[in-house]
Amino acid sequence: MAPAIAGGRVAAAMARHVRAHLEQLTAMGERPGTAAERLEAVLEAYALIITGETGPTSPECSTAKSTPRPPSIGSGRSYAPS
């Protein structure tokens, strides 16, 4: 396979991956609740996404697994692996 084609497939897979994460975060922000509750839900979902603990995955896009884990966020929960 030509490098340009392979690169295009990876780029397309990454675009789908990012789009799915944005849709997930948008849905969290549109849930019922106060602005603070919705913000907390979005931030918690984002923390889980970047640690690779949840969210859409694709074999072509494994960058979430190599992202450093953030410290505990706000509510006293730790997002470190158990």
N, C-alpha and C. Protein backbone atom coordinates (compact mmCIF):
# COMPACT_ATOMS: atom_id res chain seq x y z
N MET A 1 0.85 -1.17 0.00
CA MET A 1 0.00 0.00 0.00
C MET A 1 0.90 1.23 0.00
N ALA A 2 0.55 2.21 -0.78
CA ALA A 2 1.33 3.44 -0.87
C ALA A 2 1.24 4.22 0.44
N PRO A 3 2.34 4.88 0.86
CA PRO A 3 2.32 5.64 2.11
C PRO A 3 1.22 6.69 2.16
N ALA A 4 0.93 7.34 1.04
CA ALA A 4 -0.12 8.37 1.04
C ALA A 4 -1.48 7.77 1.33
N ILE A 5 -1.74 6.58 0.80
CA ILE A 5 -3.02 5.91 1.05
C ILE A 5 -3.10 5.49 2.51
N ALA A 6 -2.03 4.88 3.01
CA ALA A 6 -2.03 4.45 4.41
C ALA A 6 -2.19 5.65 5.33
N GLY A 7 -1.49 6.75 5.02
CA GLY A 7 -1.62 7.96 5.83
C GLY A 7 -3.02 8.53 5.79
N GLY A 8 -3.66 8.45 4.63
CA GLY A 8 -5.03 8.92 4.50
C GLY A 8 -6.00 8.09 5.32
N ARG A 9 -5.77 6.79 5.36
CA ARG A 9 -6.64 5.91 6.15
C ARG A 9 -6.47 6.18 7.64
N VAL A 10 -5.24 6.40 8.06
CA VAL A 10 -4.99 6.71 9.47
C VAL A 10 -5.62 8.04 9.82
N ALA A 11 -5.48 9.03 8.95
CA ALA A 11 -6.08 10.34 9.20
C ALA A 11 -7.61 10.23 9.28
N ALA A 12 -8.20 9.45 8.40
CA ALA A 12 -9.65 9.27 8.42
C ALA A 12 -10.10 8.56 9.69
N ALA A 13 -9.34 7.55 10.11
CA ALA A 13 -9.67 6.83 11.34
C ALA A 13 -9.55 7.76 12.54
N MET A 14 -8.50 8.59 12.56
CA MET A 14 -8.33 9.53 13.67
C MET A 14 -9.46 10.55 13.70
N ALA A 15 -9.88 11.02 12.52
CA ALA A 15 -10.99 11.97 12.45
C ALA A 15 -12.27 11.35 13.02
N ARG A 16 -12.53 10.09 12.68
CA ARG A 16 -13.72 9.40 13.23
C ARG A 16 -13.59 9.25 14.74
N HIS A 17 -12.41 8.93 15.19
CA HIS A 17 -12.14 8.74 16.62
C HIS A 17 -12.40 10.04 17.39
N VAL A 18 -11.85 11.14 16.89
CA VAL A 18 -12.02 12.44 17.54
C VAL A 18 -13.48 12.86 17.49
N ARG A 19 -14.14 12.66 16.34
CA ARG A 19 -15.55 13.03 16.22
C ARG A 19 -16.40 12.28 17.24
N ALA A 20 -16.12 11.00 17.43
CA ALA A 20 -16.88 10.20 18.41
C ALA A 20 -16.68 10.74 19.82
N HIS A 21 -15.45 11.13 20.14
CA HIS A 21 -15.20 11.71 21.47
C HIS A 21 -15.93 13.03 21.63
N LEU A 22 -15.91 13.87 20.61
CA LEU A 22 -16.62 15.14 20.70
C LEU A 22 -18.12 14.95 20.86
N GLU A 23 -18.67 13.96 20.16
CA GLU A 23 -20.09 13.66 20.31
C GLU A 23 -20.39 13.20 21.73
N GLN A 24 -19.52 12.38 22.29
CA GLN A 24 -19.71 11.90 23.66
C GLN A 24 -19.66 13.07 24.64
N LEU A 25 -18.70 13.96 24.49
CA LEU A 25 -18.58 15.10 25.40
C LEU A 25 -19.76 16.06 25.23
N THR A 26 -20.20 16.26 23.99
CA THR A 26 -21.36 17.13 23.74
C THR A 26 -22.60 16.56 24.42
N ALA A 27 -22.79 15.27 24.32
CA ALA A 27 -23.95 14.64 24.95
C ALA A 27 -23.91 14.82 26.47
N MET A 28 -22.72 14.73 27.05
CA MET A 28 -22.61 14.93 28.49
C MET A 28 -22.97 16.37 28.87
N GLY A 29 -22.59 17.32 28.03
CA GLY A 29 -22.87 18.72 28.31
C GLY A 29 -24.32 19.10 28.10
N GLU A 30 -25.06 18.28 27.37
CA GLU A 30 -26.47 18.58 27.09
C GLU A 30 -27.43 17.86 28.03
N ARG A 31 -26.89 17.13 28.99
CA ARG A 31 -27.75 16.42 29.94
C ARG A 31 -28.42 17.40 30.89
N PRO A 32 -29.50 16.97 31.53
CA PRO A 32 -30.16 17.85 32.50
C PRO A 32 -29.23 18.11 33.69
N GLY A 33 -29.45 19.23 34.34
CA GLY A 33 -28.67 19.57 35.52
C GLY A 33 -28.20 21.00 35.45
N THR A 34 -27.57 21.43 36.52
CA THR A 34 -27.03 22.78 36.55
C THR A 34 -25.81 22.86 35.65
N ALA A 35 -25.40 24.08 35.35
CA ALA A 35 -24.21 24.26 34.52
C ALA A 35 -23.00 23.61 35.19
N ALA A 36 -22.90 23.74 36.50
CA ALA A 36 -21.76 23.14 37.22
C ALA A 36 -21.79 21.61 37.13
N GLU A 37 -22.98 21.02 37.24
CA GLU A 37 -23.10 19.56 37.13
C GLU A 37 -22.74 19.07 35.73
N ARG A 38 -23.20 19.81 34.73
CA ARG A 38 -22.88 19.43 33.35
C ARG A 38 -21.39 19.58 33.07
N LEU A 39 -20.80 20.66 33.57
CA LEU A 39 -19.36 20.86 33.39
C LEU A 39 -18.58 19.74 34.06
N GLU A 40 -18.97 19.39 35.27
CA GLU A 40 -18.30 18.29 35.97
C GLU A 40 -18.41 16.99 35.18
N ALA A 41 -19.59 16.71 34.63
CA ALA A 41 -19.79 15.49 33.85
C ALA A 41 -18.89 15.49 32.61
N VAL A 42 -18.79 16.63 31.93
CA VAL A 42 -17.94 16.73 30.74
C VAL A 42 -16.48 16.54 31.12
N LEU A 43 -16.04 17.19 32.19
CA LEU A 43 -14.64 17.07 32.59
C LEU A 43 -14.29 15.65 33.04
N GLU A 44 -15.20 15.00 33.75
CA GLU A 44 -14.95 13.62 34.16
C GLU A 44 -14.89 12.70 32.94
N ALA A 45 -15.80 12.91 31.99
CA ALA A 45 -15.78 12.09 30.77
C ALA A 45 -14.49 12.33 29.99
N TYR A 46 -14.06 13.58 29.92
CA TYR A 46 -12.81 13.90 29.22
C TYR A 46 -11.63 13.22 29.90
N ALA A 47 -11.59 13.27 31.23
CA ALA A 47 -10.49 12.63 31.96
C ALA A 47 -10.46 11.13 31.66
N LEU A 48 -11.62 10.50 31.62
CA LEU A 48 -11.67 9.07 31.31
C LEU A 48 -11.26 8.80 29.87
N ILE A 49 -11.65 9.68 28.96
CA ILE A 49 -11.27 9.50 27.56
C ILE A 49 -9.76 9.57 27.40
N ILE A 50 -9.14 10.59 27.99
CA ILE A 50 -7.70 10.76 27.76
C ILE A 50 -6.86 9.71 28.48
N THR A 51 -7.45 9.05 29.47
CA THR A 51 -6.72 7.96 30.13
C THR A 51 -6.97 6.64 29.45
N GLY A 52 -7.87 6.65 28.47
CA GLY A 52 -8.16 5.42 27.73
C GLY A 52 -9.06 4.47 28.48
N GLU A 53 -9.75 4.96 29.52
CA GLU A 53 -10.60 4.08 30.32
C GLU A 53 -12.00 3.93 29.75
N THR A 54 -12.40 4.79 28.83
CA THR A 54 -13.73 4.72 28.26
C THR A 54 -13.74 5.43 26.92
N GLY A 55 -14.80 5.30 26.21
CA GLY A 55 -14.95 6.02 24.96
C GLY A 55 -14.66 5.14 23.76
N PRO A 56 -14.95 5.68 22.59
CA PRO A 56 -14.75 4.92 21.36
C PRO A 56 -13.28 4.60 21.17
N THR A 57 -13.01 3.42 20.65
CA THR A 57 -11.64 3.05 20.35
C THR A 57 -11.56 2.53 18.94
N SER A 58 -10.41 2.61 18.38
CA SER A 58 -10.18 2.13 17.03
C SER A 58 -8.79 1.53 16.99
N PRO A 59 -8.60 0.41 16.33
CA PRO A 59 -7.26 -0.18 16.26
C PRO A 59 -6.25 0.76 15.62
N GLU A 60 -6.73 1.65 14.74
CA GLU A 60 -5.83 2.58 14.08
C GLU A 60 -5.42 3.73 14.98
N CYS A 61 -6.19 3.97 16.06
CA CYS A 61 -5.97 5.14 16.91
C CYS A 61 -5.75 4.70 18.35
N SER A 62 -4.53 4.44 18.71
CA SER A 62 -4.26 3.98 20.07
C SER A 62 -3.55 5.04 20.88
N THR A 63 -3.63 6.31 20.48
CA THR A 63 -2.90 7.37 21.17
C THR A 63 -3.42 7.58 22.59
N ALA A 64 -4.68 7.32 22.86
CA ALA A 64 -5.22 7.53 24.20
C ALA A 64 -4.49 6.67 25.22
N LYS A 65 -4.05 5.50 24.82
CA LYS A 65 -3.37 4.61 25.75
C LYS A 65 -2.01 5.16 26.17
N SER A 66 -1.38 6.00 25.36
CA SER A 66 -0.06 6.51 25.68
C SER A 66 -0.10 7.89 26.32
N THR A 67 -1.29 8.45 26.53
CA THR A 67 -1.42 9.76 27.13
C THR A 67 -1.21 9.65 28.64
N PRO A 68 -0.40 10.55 29.23
CA PRO A 68 -0.20 10.49 30.68
C PRO A 68 -1.51 10.65 31.43
N ARG A 69 -1.63 9.99 32.54
CA ARG A 69 -2.84 10.07 33.35
C ARG A 69 -2.85 11.37 34.15
N PRO A 70 -4.01 12.05 34.20
CA PRO A 70 -4.10 13.30 34.97
C PRO A 70 -4.23 12.98 36.45
N PRO A 71 -3.92 13.96 37.30
CA PRO A 71 -4.17 13.76 38.73
C PRO A 71 -5.67 13.72 38.98
N SER A 72 -6.03 13.38 40.18
CA SER A 72 -7.43 13.35 40.58
C SER A 72 -8.09 14.68 40.26
N ILE A 73 -9.35 14.65 39.82
CA ILE A 73 -10.06 15.86 39.44
C ILE A 73 -11.22 16.10 40.38
N GLY A 74 -11.21 17.24 41.04
CA GLY A 74 -12.33 17.77 41.79
C GLY A 74 -13.00 16.93 42.84
N SER A 75 -13.71 15.92 42.48
CA SER A 75 -14.62 15.25 43.39
C SER A 75 -13.94 14.26 44.33
N GLY A 76 -12.62 14.25 44.35
CA GLY A 76 -11.92 13.35 45.25
C GLY A 76 -11.68 11.97 44.68
N ARG A 77 -12.20 11.73 43.48
CA ARG A 77 -11.98 10.43 42.83
C ARG A 77 -10.61 10.40 42.19
N SER A 78 -9.98 9.28 42.24
CA SER A 78 -8.69 9.15 41.59
C SER A 78 -8.90 8.46 40.23
N TYR A 79 -8.24 8.97 39.21
CA TYR A 79 -8.37 8.39 37.89
C TYR A 79 -7.17 7.52 37.55
N ALA A 80 -6.37 7.22 38.55
CA ALA A 80 -5.22 6.33 38.34
C ALA A 80 -5.73 4.89 38.22
N PRO A 81 -4.98 4.04 37.52
CA PRO A 81 -5.44 2.66 37.37
C PRO A 81 -5.49 1.96 38.72
N SER A 82 -6.42 1.05 38.86
CA SER A 82 -6.53 0.34 40.14
C SER A 82 -5.79 -0.97 40.09
